Amino acid sequence: MTTDLDDLIRATLAERAEDAPAAGRVIARAPRPGSARRTTVRRRWTRGLAVAGLAGALAVTGAVLAPRLLPGETPFEPAMSFAYDGVPRSAEAYRLVLDAPGWVVPGGDGSVTDASHIGGVDYEPSGSGRRAPRLDISWGDSSTYQEGLRFAGSFDTADDGVTELPIEVLGQEATYWRNAGEDAFRVVLPLTAGHYQVITGTGMSKTEFEELLTQLRWVDQAEFDATLPDRYLTAEERAATIEQLLAGVPLPERYDEHRLTSLQPNRYHLALDLARGASCVWRDEWRAARESGDQERVTHAEDVLHQAGDWPMDQALDGNDTGDLLDQASTVLDGSERFRCD
């Protein structure tokens, strides 16, 4: 003899099986240029109070695993499903850009950064004010992955009321977070081929955020540069600017040239990378001199660092919170973390 609850369980499981995404389908993807995109809106069943009793019964049987919600929270689930073409990104194409009509990179040097270990780009609607919706895209390597797993850098799912839900984006199982009571959302993609990605939306609805997730595109470094506004440096301009910024900067006879390279697309962040790199070069020289017992080289390295505030590139750092960086270059010998040598 069956009960109403038995019938409800069977009906719901059948409905969920019918509604489950087929193999090769994901919540959101980066479209291929020129390809058509089919959208299927999927809305989960809702059955009032019966759902609460059903969820408890299914949890006991292990048939359904539902995300834990805060008291008073309603189920928070992606509303759209898109076909995924199955084309994986290359190891070099770990950056993401947004191809959404009307969304642009806002003014200001801080809107774009790009380094070997971490980078990012911000977007907002064209012509919007200070309280505009904003999409922040960032990427990093394994050294920053744990930091990336924290919501907005300060909210943690374990302690600060953040709802966590499963989602698939760009063909990868990702983590989807919403800060309870706020219009703030974050998706963290897994560490793959040495890099992970974070997409954070603020000042927008869930539906708006999810729609932007469908308009992301993988790019490599050259393609990333090509998407930026004209005020940012191209690869050729960056090489010329590096040479210009290093003019007048003393360097030891032998040093690690990698310390004086940078992918930053704006002059300020480029100068910041080079200022740190040159300081680290002289720290390396100072350490090598001490190990070899060459006191003359030790003294010379110390003198150069004490005079770093006179380097021409210091002018590119003026007016920012790093304006005193080169004036304090000698602190690199004491292990100052401002220079990020290690």
C-alpha atoms as a PDB file:
ATOM      1  CA  MET A   1       0.000   0.000   0.000  1.00  0.00           C
ATOM      2  CA  THR A   2       1.438   3.316  -1.029  1.00  0.00           C
ATOM      3  CA  THR A   3       1.152   6.653   0.687  1.00  0.00           C
ATOM      4  CA  ASP A   4       0.872  10.152  -0.692  1.00  0.00           C
ATOM      5  CA  LEU A   5       4.500  10.720   0.332  1.00  0.00           C
ATOM      6  CA  ASP A   6       5.607   7.606  -1.594  1.00  0.00           C
ATOM      7  CA  ASP A   7       3.820   8.890  -4.685  1.00  0.00           C
ATOM      8  CA  LEU A   8       5.357  12.326  -4.240  1.00  0.00           C
ATOM      9  CA  ILE A   9       8.868  10.872  -3.898  1.00  0.00           C
ATOM     10  CA  ARG A  10       8.499   8.759  -7.040  1.00  0.00           C
ATOM     11  CA  ALA A  11       7.037  11.649  -9.020  1.00  0.00           C
ATOM     12  CA  THR A  12       9.736  14.026  -7.897  1.00  0.00           C
ATOM     13  CA  LEU A  13      12.592  11.621  -8.654  1.00  0.00           C
ATOM     14  CA  ALA A  14      11.135  11.045 -12.112  1.00  0.00           C
ATOM     15  CA  GLU A  15      10.873  14.787 -12.636  1.00  0.00           C
ATOM     16  CA  ARG A  16      14.460  15.324 -11.508  1.00  0.00           C
ATOM     17  CA  ALA A  17      15.689  12.561 -13.815  1.00  0.00           C
ATOM     18  CA  GLU A  18      13.885  14.172 -16.729  1.00  0.00           C
ATOM     19  CA  ASP A  19      15.206  17.604 -15.803  1.00  0.00           C
ATOM     20  CA  ALA A  20      18.828  16.513 -15.236  1.00  0.00           C
ATOM     21  CA  PRO A  21      21.313  17.957 -17.762  1.00  0.00           C
ATOM     22  CA  ALA A  22      22.419  15.446 -20.340  1.00  0.00           C
ATOM     23  CA  ALA A  23      26.080  14.531 -20.675  1.00  0.00           C
ATOM     24  CA  GLY A  24      27.999  17.384 -22.236  1.00  0.00           C
ATOM     25  CA  ARG A  25      25.644  20.093 -20.965  1.00  0.00           C
ATOM     26  CA  VAL A  26      26.687  22.706 -18.476  1.00  0.00           C
ATOM     27  CA  ILE A  27      25.281  25.710 -16.714  1.00  0.00           C
ATOM     28  CA  ALA A  28      27.332  28.299 -18.553  1.00  0.00           C
ATOM     29  CA  ARG A  29      30.013  28.341 -21.189  1.00  0.00           C
ATOM     30  CA  ALA A  30      32.205  30.621 -23.262  1.00  0.00           C
ATOM     31  CA  PRO A  31      30.648  30.719 -26.757  1.00  0.00           C
ATOM     32  CA  ARG A  32      32.759  30.146 -29.817  1.00  0.00           C
ATOM     33  CA  PRO A  33      32.882  33.224 -32.082  1.00  0.00           C
ATOM     34  CA  GLY A  34      29.952  33.281 -34.467  1.00  0.00           C
ATOM     35  CA  SER A  35      28.300  30.197 -33.016  1.00  0.00           C
ATOM     36  CA  ALA A  36      24.598  30.032 -32.264  1.00  0.00           C
ATOM     37  CA  ARG A  37      23.596  29.529 -28.663  1.00  0.00           C
ATOM     38  CA  ARG A  38      20.491  27.712 -27.517  1.00  0.00           C
ATOM     39  CA  THR A  39      19.092  28.632 -24.159  1.00  0.00           C
ATOM     40  CA  THR A  40      16.894  26.372 -22.072  1.00  0.00           C
ATOM     41  CA  VAL A  41      15.364  27.873 -18.978  1.00  0.00           C
ATOM     42  CA  ARG A  42      15.032  25.282 -16.254  1.00  0.00           C
ATOM     43  CA  ARG A  43      13.074  26.013 -13.160  1.00  0.00           C
ATOM     44  CA  ARG A  44      13.137  23.605 -10.257  1.00  0.00           C
ATOM     45  CA  TRP A  45       9.935  22.178  -8.827  1.00  0.00           C
ATOM     46  CA  THR A  46       8.407  23.901  -5.834  1.00  0.00           C
ATOM     47  CA  ARG A  47       5.721  22.331  -3.723  1.00  0.00           C
ATOM     48  CA  GLY A  48       5.336  24.584  -0.698  1.00  0.00           C
ATOM     49  CA  LEU A  49       5.525  22.847   2.641  1.00  0.00           C
ATOM     50  CA  ALA A  50       5.517  19.430   1.004  1.00  0.00           C
ATOM     51  CA  VAL A  51       9.012  20.135  -0.305  1.00  0.00           C
ATOM     52  CA  ALA A  52      10.422  20.523   3.188  1.00  0.00           C
ATOM     53  CA  GLY A  53       9.071  17.136   4.236  1.00  0.00           C
ATOM     54  CA  LEU A  54      10.196  15.535   0.988  1.00  0.00           C
ATOM     55  CA  ALA A  55      13.701  16.958   1.263  1.00  0.00           C
ATOM     56  CA  GLY A  56      14.033  15.447   4.714  1.00  0.00           C
ATOM     57  CA  ALA A  57      12.798  12.057   3.553  1.00  0.00           C
ATOM     58  CA  LEU A  58      15.105  12.000   0.545  1.00  0.00           C
ATOM     59  CA  ALA A  59      18.072  13.102   2.644  1.00  0.00           C
ATOM     60  CA  VAL A  60      17.555  10.059   4.874  1.00  0.00           C
ATOM     61  CA  THR A  61      17.519   7.727   1.848  1.00  0.00           C
ATOM     62  CA  GLY A  62      20.501   9.484   0.261  1.00  0.00           C
ATOM     63  CA  ALA A  63      18.540  10.007  -2.958  1.00  0.00           C
ATOM     64  CA  VAL A  64      19.038  13.769  -3.143  1.00  0.00           C
ATOM     65  CA  LEU A  65      21.843  15.998  -1.890  1.00  0.00           C
ATOM     66  CA  ALA A  66      20.636  19.578  -1.465  1.00  0.00           C
ATOM     67  CA  PRO A  67      22.798  22.599  -0.528  1.00  0.00           C
ATOM     68  CA  ARG A  68      22.462  23.863   3.008  1.00  0.00           C
ATOM     69  CA  LEU A  69      20.701  27.208   3.207  1.00  0.00           C
ATOM     70  CA  LEU A  70      20.602  29.829   5.904  1.00  0.00           C
ATOM     71  CA  PRO A  71      17.404  30.165   7.950  1.00  0.00           C
ATOM     72  CA  GLY A  72      14.839  31.922   5.791  1.00  0.00           C
ATOM     73  CA  GLU A  73      16.878  31.495   2.597  1.00  0.00           C
ATOM     74  CA  THR A  74      15.099  30.266  -0.501  1.00  0.00           C
ATOM     75  CA  PRO A  75      16.756  27.781  -2.860  1.00  0.00           C
ATOM     76  CA  PHE A  76      19.336  29.624  -4.960  1.00  0.00           C
ATOM     77  CA  GLU A  77      19.990  27.795  -8.205  1.00  0.00           C
ATOM     78  CA  PRO A  78      21.221  28.663 -11.708  1.00  0.00           C
ATOM     79  CA  ALA A  79      18.260  29.320 -13.987  1.00  0.00           C
ATOM     80  CA  MET A  80      19.804  28.540 -17.378  1.00  0.00           C
ATOM     81  CA  SER A  81      21.564  25.684 -19.104  1.00  0.00           C
ATOM     82  CA  PHE A  82      23.705  25.993 -22.225  1.00  0.00           C
ATOM     83  CA  ALA A  83      25.168  23.428 -24.579  1.00  0.00           C
ATOM     84  CA  TYR A  84      28.932  23.059 -24.202  1.00  0.00           C
ATOM     85  CA  ASP A  85      30.989  22.442 -27.328  1.00  0.00           C
ATOM     86  CA  GLY A  86      33.574  20.408 -25.422  1.00  0.00           C
ATOM     87  CA  VAL A  87      36.597  22.344 -26.709  1.00  0.00           C
ATOM     88  CA  PRO A  88      39.094  22.637 -23.811  1.00  0.00           C
ATOM     89  CA  ARG A  89      41.223  25.712 -23.303  1.00  0.00           C
ATOM     90  CA  SER A  90      44.937  25.572 -23.987  1.00  0.00           C
ATOM     91  CA  ALA A  91      47.398  25.834 -21.101  1.00  0.00           C
ATOM     92  CA  GLU A  92      48.317  29.346 -22.291  1.00  0.00           C
ATOM     93  CA  ALA A  93      44.699  30.542 -22.530  1.00  0.00           C
ATOM     94  CA  TYR A  94      44.017  30.822 -18.809  1.00  0.00           C
ATOM     95  CA  ARG A  95      42.800  34.427 -18.887  1.00  0.00           C
ATOM     96  CA  LEU A  96      39.109  35.258 -19.232  1.00  0.00           C
ATOM     97  CA  VAL A  97      37.483  38.259 -20.905  1.00  0.00           C
ATOM     98  CA  LEU A  98      33.857  39.371 -21.076  1.00  0.00           C
ATOM     99  CA  ASP A  99      32.151  39.699 -24.462  1.00  0.00           C
ATOM    100  CA  ALA A 100      28.926  41.376 -23.304  1.00  0.00           C
ATOM    101  CA  PRO A 101      27.432  44.275 -25.295  1.00  0.00           C
ATOM    102  CA  GLY A 102      27.647  47.556 -23.393  1.00  0.00           C
ATOM    103  CA  TRP A 103      30.161  46.330 -20.809  1.00  0.00           C
ATOM    104  CA  VAL A 104      33.572  48.028 -20.845  1.00  0.00           C
ATOM    105  CA  VAL A 105      36.830  48.227 -18.900  1.00  0.00           C
ATOM    106  CA  PRO A 106      36.453  51.330 -16.690  1.00  0.00           C
ATOM    107  CA  GLY A 107      39.079  54.038 -16.472  1.00  0.00           C
ATOM    108  CA  GLY A 108      41.879  53.869 -13.936  1.00  0.00           C
ATOM    109  CA  ASP A 109      45.108  51.896 -13.812  1.00  0.00           C
ATOM    110  CA  GLY A 110      43.714  49.451 -11.273  1.00  0.00           C
ATOM    111  CA  SER A 111      41.126  48.022 -13.690  1.00  0.00           C
ATOM    112  CA  VAL A 112      43.657  45.726 -15.380  1.00  0.00           C
ATOM    113  CA  THR A 113      46.641  43.842 -13.989  1.00  0.00           C
ATOM    114  CA  ASP A 114      48.584  40.990 -15.512  1.00  0.00           C
ATOM    115  CA  ALA A 115      51.532  39.206 -13.947  1.00  0.00           C
ATOM    116  CA  SER A 116      52.906  35.698 -14.148  1.00  0.00           C
ATOM    117  CA  HIS A 117      51.312  34.645 -10.830  1.00  0.00           C
ATOM    118  CA  ILE A 118      48.104  36.714 -10.738  1.00  0.00           C
ATOM    119  CA  GLY A 119      46.072  39.112 -12.854  1.00  0.00           C
ATOM    120  CA  GLY A 120      42.610  40.403 -13.554  1.00  0.00           C
ATOM    121  CA  VAL A 121      40.297  42.752 -15.403  1.00  0.00           C
ATOM    122  CA  ASP A 122      37.189  44.657 -14.287  1.00  0.00           C
ATOM    123  CA  TYR A 123      34.083  45.455 -16.317  1.00  0.00           C
ATOM    124  CA  GLU A 124      31.092  47.737 -15.834  1.00  0.00           C
ATOM    125  CA  PRO A 125      28.288  49.059 -18.060  1.00  0.00           C
ATOM    126  CA  SER A 126      29.387  51.908 -20.320  1.00  0.00           C
ATOM    127  CA  GLY A 127      28.539  55.359 -18.985  1.00  0.00           C
ATOM    128  CA  SER A 128      27.593  54.131 -15.525  1.00  0.00           C
ATOM    129  CA  GLY A 129      28.265  55.935 -12.256  1.00  0.00           C
ATOM    130  CA  ARG A 130      30.136  55.044  -9.090  1.00  0.00           C
ATOM    131  CA  ARG A 131      27.503  52.557  -7.884  1.00  0.00           C
ATOM    132  CA  ALA A 132      27.409  50.669 -11.164  1.00  0.00           C
ATOM    133  CA  PRO A 133      27.160  46.890 -11.401  1.00  0.00           C
ATOM    134  CA  ARG A 134      30.623  45.387 -11.687  1.00  0.00           C
ATOM    135  CA  LEU A 135      32.120  42.137 -12.871  1.00  0.00           C
ATOM    136  CA  ASP A 136      35.625  41.354 -11.634  1.00  0.00           C
ATOM    137  CA  ILE A 137      37.523  38.562 -13.380  1.00  0.00           C
ATOM    138  CA  SER A 138      40.814  37.382 -11.943  1.00  0.00           C
ATOM    139  CA  TRP A 139      43.200  34.486 -12.375  1.00  0.00           C
ATOM    140  CA  GLY A 140      46.146  33.128 -10.468  1.00  0.00           C
ATOM    141  CA  ASP A 141      48.499  30.216 -10.053  1.00  0.00           C
ATOM    142  CA  SER A 142      48.671  27.625  -7.298  1.00  0.00           C
ATOM    143  CA  SER A 143      50.416  30.035  -4.915  1.00  0.00           C
ATOM    144  CA  THR A 144      47.234  32.141  -4.591  1.00  0.00           C
ATOM    145  CA  TYR A 145      44.587  29.420  -4.965  1.00  0.00           C
ATOM    146  CA  GLN A 146      43.628  29.180  -1.290  1.00  0.00           C
ATOM    147  CA  GLU A 147      43.170  32.945  -1.155  1.00  0.00           C
ATOM    148  CA  GLY A 148      40.965  32.747  -4.247  1.00  0.00           C
ATOM    149  CA  LEU A 149      38.705  30.260  -2.499  1.00  0.00           C
ATOM    150  CA  ARG A 150      37.646  32.913   0.003  1.00  0.00           C
ATOM    151  CA  PHE A 151      34.595  34.945  -0.956  1.00  0.00           C
ATOM    152  CA  ALA A 152      35.521  38.569  -1.708  1.00  0.00           C
ATOM    153  CA  GLY A 153      38.788  38.090   0.165  1.00  0.00           C
ATOM    154  CA  SER A 154      37.070  38.314   3.559  1.00  0.00           C
ATOM    155  CA  PHE A 155      33.907  36.196   3.568  1.00  0.00           C
ATOM    156  CA  ASP A 156      34.348  32.507   4.265  1.00  0.00           C
ATOM    157  CA  THR A 157      31.583  29.991   3.633  1.00  0.00           C
ATOM    158  CA  ALA A 158      32.241  28.382   7.002  1.00  0.00           C
ATOM    159  CA  ASP A 159      31.818  31.498   9.104  1.00  0.00           C
ATOM    160  CA  ASP A 160      30.200  34.432   7.349  1.00  0.00           C
ATOM    161  CA  GLY A 161      26.843  33.336   5.995  1.00  0.00           C
ATOM    162  CA  VAL A 162      27.753  32.567   2.411  1.00  0.00           C
ATOM    163  CA  THR A 163      25.566  30.110   0.542  1.00  0.00           C
ATOM    164  CA  GLU A 164      27.557  27.647  -1.572  1.00  0.00           C
ATOM    165  CA  LEU A 165      26.012  25.789  -4.512  1.00  0.00           C
ATOM    166  CA  PRO A 166      27.297  23.524  -7.294  1.00  0.00           C
ATOM    167  CA  ILE A 167      27.566  24.884 -10.829  1.00  0.00           C
ATOM    168  CA  GLU A 168      29.358  24.095 -14.069  1.00  0.00           C
ATOM    169  CA  VAL A 169      30.954  26.980 -15.957  1.00  0.00           C
ATOM    170  CA  LEU A 170      33.020  26.758 -19.120  1.00  0.00           C
ATOM    171  CA  GLY A 171      32.851  22.994 -18.955  1.00  0.00           C
ATOM    172  CA  GLN A 172      34.315  22.786 -15.464  1.00  0.00           C
ATOM    173  CA  GLU A 173      32.737  21.964 -12.124  1.00  0.00           C
ATOM    174  CA  ALA A 174      33.035  25.179 -10.151  1.00  0.00           C
ATOM    175  CA  THR A 175      32.014  26.632  -6.805  1.00  0.00           C
ATOM    176  CA  TYR A 176      29.155  29.166  -6.832  1.00  0.00           C
ATOM    177  CA  TRP A 177      28.826  31.451  -3.819  1.00  0.00           C
ATOM    178  CA  ARG A 178      26.327  34.083  -2.842  1.00  0.00           C
ATOM    179  CA  ASN A 179      26.836  36.393   0.113  1.00  0.00           C
ATOM    180  CA  ALA A 180      23.598  36.106   2.071  1.00  0.00           C
ATOM    181  CA  GLY A 181      21.462  39.234   1.933  1.00  0.00           C
ATOM    182  CA  GLU A 182      23.695  41.036  -0.579  1.00  0.00           C
ATOM    183  CA  ASP A 183      23.795  41.351  -4.351  1.00  0.00           C
ATOM    184  CA  ALA A 184      27.246  39.759  -4.494  1.00  0.00           C
ATOM    185  CA  PHE A 185      28.140  36.520  -6.242  1.00  0.00           C
ATOM    186  CA  ARG A 186      31.330  34.591  -6.908  1.00  0.00           C
ATOM    187  CA  VAL A 187      32.311  31.612  -9.034  1.00  0.00           C
ATOM    188  CA  VAL A 188      35.694  29.937  -8.535  1.00  0.00           C
ATOM    189  CA  LEU A 189      36.941  27.616 -11.261  1.00  0.00           C
ATOM    190  CA  PRO A 190      39.268  24.768 -10.271  1.00  0.00           C
ATOM    191  CA  LEU A 191      43.042  24.838 -10.539  1.00  0.00           C
ATOM    192  CA  THR A 192      43.691  23.467 -14.039  1.00  0.00           C
ATOM    193  CA  ALA A 193      46.985  23.400 -15.964  1.00  0.00           C
ATOM    194  CA  GLY A 194      48.544  25.556 -13.252  1.00  0.00           C
ATOM    195  CA  HIS A 195      45.915  28.323 -13.060  1.00  0.00           C
ATOM    196  CA  TYR A 196      42.468  28.991 -11.609  1.00  0.00           C
ATOM    197  CA  GLN A 197      39.922  31.745 -12.285  1.00  0.00           C
ATOM    198  CA  VAL A 198      37.520  33.770 -10.142  1.00  0.00           C
ATOM    199  CA  ILE A 199      34.458  35.661 -11.416  1.00  0.00           C
ATOM    200  CA  THR A 200      32.827  38.066  -8.955  1.00  0.00           C
ATOM    201  CA  GLY A 201      29.678  40.080  -9.605  1.00  0.00           C
ATOM    202  CA  THR A 202      28.413  42.937  -7.426  1.00  0.00           C
ATOM    203  CA  GLY A 203      25.494  45.332  -7.733  1.00  0.00           C
ATOM    204  CA  MET A 204      23.453  42.980  -9.899  1.00  0.00           C
ATOM    205  CA  SER A 205      20.797  40.300  -9.640  1.00  0.00           C
ATOM    206  CA  LYS A 206      21.382  36.559  -9.758  1.00  0.00           C
ATOM    207  CA  THR A 207      19.890  36.401 -13.251  1.00  0.00           C
ATOM    208  CA  GLU A 208      22.140  39.222 -14.494  1.00  0.00           C
ATOM    209  CA  PHE A 209      25.224  37.569 -13.041  1.00  0.00           C
ATOM    210  CA  GLU A 210      24.406  34.207 -14.591  1.00  0.00           C
ATOM    211  CA  GLU A 211      23.814  35.820 -17.984  1.00  0.00           C
ATOM    212  CA  LEU A 212      27.300  37.366 -17.841  1.00  0.00           C
ATOM    213  CA  LEU A 213      28.749  33.930 -17.075  1.00  0.00           C
ATOM    214  CA  THR A 214      27.553  32.819 -20.511  1.00  0.00           C
ATOM    215  CA  GLN A 215      29.531  35.590 -22.227  1.00  0.00           C
ATOM    216  CA  LEU A 216      33.036  34.766 -21.038  1.00  0.00           C
ATOM    217  CA  ARG A 217      35.845  33.770 -23.376  1.00  0.00           C
ATOM    218  CA  TRP A 218      39.227  32.078 -22.860  1.00  0.00           C
ATOM    219  CA  VAL A 219      42.194  34.060 -24.239  1.00  0.00           C
ATOM    220  CA  ASP A 220      45.970  33.844 -24.164  1.00  0.00           C
ATOM    221  CA  GLN A 221      48.205  36.780 -23.329  1.00  0.00           C
ATOM    222  CA  ALA A 222      48.294  38.232 -26.860  1.00  0.00           C
ATOM    223  CA  GLU A 223      44.521  37.937 -27.245  1.00  0.00           C
ATOM    224  CA  PHE A 224      44.043  39.507 -23.822  1.00  0.00           C
ATOM    225  CA  ASP A 225      46.145  42.519 -24.819  1.00  0.00           C
ATOM    226  CA  ALA A 226      44.102  42.877 -28.014  1.00  0.00           C
ATOM    227  CA  THR A 227      40.829  43.179 -26.072  1.00  0.00           C
ATOM    228  CA  LEU A 228      42.002  46.087 -23.912  1.00  0.00           C
ATOM    229  CA  PRO A 229      41.244  49.763 -24.616  1.00  0.00           C
ATOM    230  CA  ASP A 230      43.849  51.775 -26.517  1.00  0.00           C
ATOM    231  CA  ARG A 231      45.125  53.412 -23.327  1.00  0.00           C
ATOM    232  CA  TYR A 232      46.770  50.101 -22.366  1.00  0.00           C
ATOM    233  CA  LEU A 233      50.136  48.990 -23.711  1.00  0.00           C
ATOM    234  CA  THR A 234      50.505  46.522 -26.556  1.00  0.00           C
ATOM    235  CA  ALA A 235      53.284  43.920 -26.411  1.00  0.00           C
ATOM    236  CA  GLU A 236      55.527  46.147 -28.533  1.00  0.00           C
ATOM    237  CA  GLU A 237      54.748  49.233 -26.456  1.00  0.00           C
ATOM    238  CA  ARG A 238      55.380  47.292 -23.265  1.00  0.00           C
ATOM    239  CA  ALA A 239      58.853  46.227 -24.431  1.00  0.00           C
ATOM    240  CA  ALA A 240      59.727  49.815 -25.328  1.00  0.00           C
ATOM    241  CA  THR A 241      58.373  51.108 -22.007  1.00  0.00           C
ATOM    242  CA  ILE A 242      60.402  48.561 -20.040  1.00  0.00           C
ATOM    243  CA  GLU A 243      63.557  49.759 -21.792  1.00  0.00           C
ATOM    244  CA  GLN A 244      62.613  53.368 -21.056  1.00  0.00           C
ATOM    245  CA  LEU A 245      61.863  52.734 -17.378  1.00  0.00           C
ATOM    246  CA  LEU A 246      65.136  50.875 -16.840  1.00  0.00           C
ATOM    247  CA  ALA A 247      67.174  53.706 -18.346  1.00  0.00           C
ATOM    248  CA  GLY A 248      69.420  55.123 -15.635  1.00  0.00           C
ATOM    249  CA  VAL A 249      68.885  52.165 -13.296  1.00  0.00           C
ATOM    250  CA  PRO A 250      72.246  50.627 -12.276  1.00  0.00           C
ATOM    251  CA  LEU A 251      72.418  46.851 -12.504  1.00  0.00           C
ATOM    252  CA  PRO A 252      75.068  44.365 -11.386  1.00  0.00           C
ATOM    253  CA  GLU A 253      77.288  42.590 -13.871  1.00  0.00           C
ATOM    254  CA  ARG A 254      75.293  39.364 -13.582  1.00  0.00           C
ATOM    255  CA  TYR A 255      71.657  39.057 -12.531  1.00  0.00           C
ATOM    256  CA  ASP A 256      68.449  37.121 -13.103  1.00  0.00           C
ATOM    257  CA  GLU A 257      66.903  38.783 -16.163  1.00  0.00           C
ATOM    258  CA  HIS A 258      63.518  37.241 -15.348  1.00  0.00           C
ATOM    259  CA  ARG A 259      63.235  39.677 -12.443  1.00  0.00           C
ATOM    260  CA  LEU A 260      63.106  42.557 -14.936  1.00  0.00           C
ATOM    261  CA  THR A 261      60.269  41.263 -17.101  1.00  0.00           C
ATOM    262  CA  SER A 262      56.580  42.035 -16.726  1.00  0.00           C
ATOM    263  CA  LEU A 263      53.287  41.473 -18.527  1.00  0.00           C
ATOM    264  CA  GLN A 264      51.572  44.456 -16.920  1.00  0.00           C
ATOM    265  CA  PRO A 265      49.610  46.429 -19.552  1.00  0.00           C
ATOM    266  CA  ASN A 266      49.798  49.883 -17.936  1.00  0.00           C
ATOM    267  CA  ARG A 267      52.772  52.089 -17.164  1.00  0.00           C
ATOM    268  CA  TYR A 268      52.253  52.348 -13.401  1.00  0.00           C
ATOM    269  CA  HIS A 269      52.034  48.602 -12.722  1.00  0.00           C
ATOM    270  CA  LEU A 270      54.875  48.014 -15.162  1.00  0.00           C
ATOM    271  CA  ALA A 271      57.064  50.493 -13.249  1.00  0.00           C
ATOM    272  CA  LEU A 272      56.033  48.866  -9.971  1.00  0.00           C
ATOM    273  CA  ASP A 273      57.086  45.418 -11.195  1.00  0.00           C
ATOM    274  CA  LEU A 274      60.413  46.743 -12.451  1.00  0.00           C
ATOM    275  CA  ALA A 275      61.113  48.724  -9.269  1.00  0.00           C
ATOM    276  CA  ARG A 276      60.565  45.610  -7.205  1.00  0.00           C
ATOM    277  CA  GLY A 277      62.552  43.516  -9.660  1.00  0.00           C
ATOM    278  CA  ALA A 278      65.561  45.842  -9.683  1.00  0.00           C
ATOM    279  CA  SER A 279      65.553  45.975  -5.879  1.00  0.00           C
ATOM    280  CA  CYS A 280      65.475  42.177  -5.764  1.00  0.00           C
ATOM    281  CA  VAL A 281      68.345  42.005  -8.258  1.00  0.00           C
ATOM    282  CA  TRP A 282      70.480  44.041  -5.877  1.00  0.00           C
ATOM    283  CA  ARG A 283      69.358  41.947  -2.911  1.00  0.00           C
ATOM    284  CA  ASP A 284      70.526  38.855  -4.828  1.00  0.00           C
ATOM    285  CA  GLU A 285      73.853  40.562  -5.533  1.00  0.00           C
ATOM    286  CA  TRP A 286      74.234  41.534  -1.868  1.00  0.00           C
ATOM    287  CA  ARG A 287      73.577  37.973  -0.707  1.00  0.00           C
ATOM    288  CA  ALA A 288      75.992  36.496  -3.253  1.00  0.00           C
ATOM    289  CA  ALA A 289      78.673  38.974  -2.200  1.00  0.00           C
ATOM    290  CA  ARG A 290      78.255  38.107   1.463  1.00  0.00           C
ATOM    291  CA  GLU A 291      78.459  34.393   0.734  1.00  0.00           C
ATOM    292  CA  SER A 292      81.689  34.909  -1.220  1.00  0.00           C
ATOM    293  CA  GLY A 293      83.147  37.226   1.419  1.00  0.00           C
ATOM    294  CA  ASP A 294      83.508  40.125  -1.045  1.00  0.00           C
ATOM    295  CA  GLN A 295      82.969  43.112   1.234  1.00  0.00           C
ATOM    296  CA  GLU A 296      83.477  45.623  -1.570  1.00  0.00           C
ATOM    297  CA  ARG A 297      80.537  44.140  -3.504  1.00  0.00           C
ATOM    298  CA  VAL A 298      78.473  44.044  -0.310  1.00  0.00           C
ATOM    299  CA  THR A 299      79.051  47.735   0.314  1.00  0.00           C
ATOM    300  CA  HIS A 300      78.358  48.634  -3.321  1.00  0.00           C
ATOM    301  CA  ALA A 301      75.005  46.795  -3.298  1.00  0.00           C
ATOM    302  CA  GLU A 302      73.994  48.557  -0.085  1.00  0.00           C
ATOM    303  CA  ASP A 303      74.952  51.956  -1.536  1.00  0.00           C
ATOM    304  CA  VAL A 304      72.939  51.354  -4.716  1.00  0.00           C
ATOM    305  CA  LEU A 305      69.828  50.422  -2.743  1.00  0.00           C
ATOM    306  CA  HIS A 306      70.155  53.440  -0.459  1.00  0.00           C
ATOM    307  CA  GLN A 307      70.197  55.652  -3.574  1.00  0.00           C
ATOM    308  CA  ALA A 308      67.318  53.891  -5.377  1.00  0.00           C
ATOM    309  CA  GLY A 309      64.984  56.817  -4.693  1.00  0.00           C
ATOM    310  CA  ASP A 310      66.994  58.757  -7.295  1.00  0.00           C
ATOM    311  CA  TRP A 311      66.319  56.265 -10.097  1.00  0.00           C
ATOM    312  CA  PRO A 312      64.368  57.882 -12.983  1.00  0.00           C
ATOM    313  CA  MET A 313      61.613  55.237 -12.769  1.00  0.00           C
ATOM    314  CA  ASP A 314      60.713  56.577  -9.318  1.00  0.00           C
ATOM    315  CA  GLN A 315      58.753  59.335 -11.069  1.00  0.00           C
ATOM    316  CA  ALA A 316      56.363  56.730 -12.504  1.00  0.00           C
ATOM    317  CA  LEU A 317      55.431  55.706  -8.946  1.00  0.00           C
ATOM    318  CA  ASP A 318      54.774  59.215  -7.610  1.00  0.00           C
ATOM    319  CA  GLY A 319      51.258  60.009  -6.475  1.00  0.00           C
ATOM    320  CA  ASN A 320      50.423  56.406  -5.588  1.00  0.00           C
ATOM    321  CA  ASP A 321      50.606  54.476  -2.342  1.00  0.00           C
ATOM    322  CA  THR A 322      53.890  53.006  -3.581  1.00  0.00           C
ATOM    323  CA  GLY A 323      55.501  56.406  -4.110  1.00  0.00           C
ATOM    324  CA  ASP A 324      58.012  55.729  -1.330  1.00  0.00           C
ATOM    325  CA  LEU A 325      58.877  52.211  -2.481  1.00  0.00           C
ATOM    326  CA  LEU A 326      62.292  53.004  -3.938  1.00  0.00           C
ATOM    327  CA  ASP A 327      63.105  55.372  -1.076  1.00  0.00           C
ATOM    328  CA  GLN A 328      62.756  52.297   1.132  1.00  0.00           C
ATOM    329  CA  ALA A 329      64.589  49.928  -1.244  1.00  0.00           C
ATOM    330  CA  SER A 330      67.294  49.113   1.289  1.00  0.00           C
ATOM    331  CA  THR A 331      64.668  47.382   3.462  1.00  0.00           C
ATOM    332  CA  VAL A 332      64.667  44.574   0.904  1.00  0.00           C
ATOM    333  CA  LEU A 333      67.856  43.421   2.626  1.00  0.00           C
ATOM    334  CA  ASP A 334      65.855  42.923   5.829  1.00  0.00           C
ATOM    335  CA  GLY A 335      63.277  40.774   4.048  1.00  0.00           C
ATOM    336  CA  SER A 336      60.605  43.432   3.462  1.00  0.00           C
ATOM    337  CA  GLU A 337      57.553  41.811   1.879  1.00  0.00           C
ATOM    338  CA  ARG A 338      56.826  44.939  -0.173  1.00  0.00           C
ATOM    339  CA  PHE A 339      59.294  43.754  -2.815  1.00  0.00           C
ATOM    340  CA  ARG A 340      58.004  40.182  -3.258  1.00  0.00           C
ATOM    341  CA  CYS A 341      61.426  38.780  -4.121  1.00  0.00           C
ATOM    342  CA  ASP A 342      60.710  35.162  -3.184  1.00  0.00           C
END
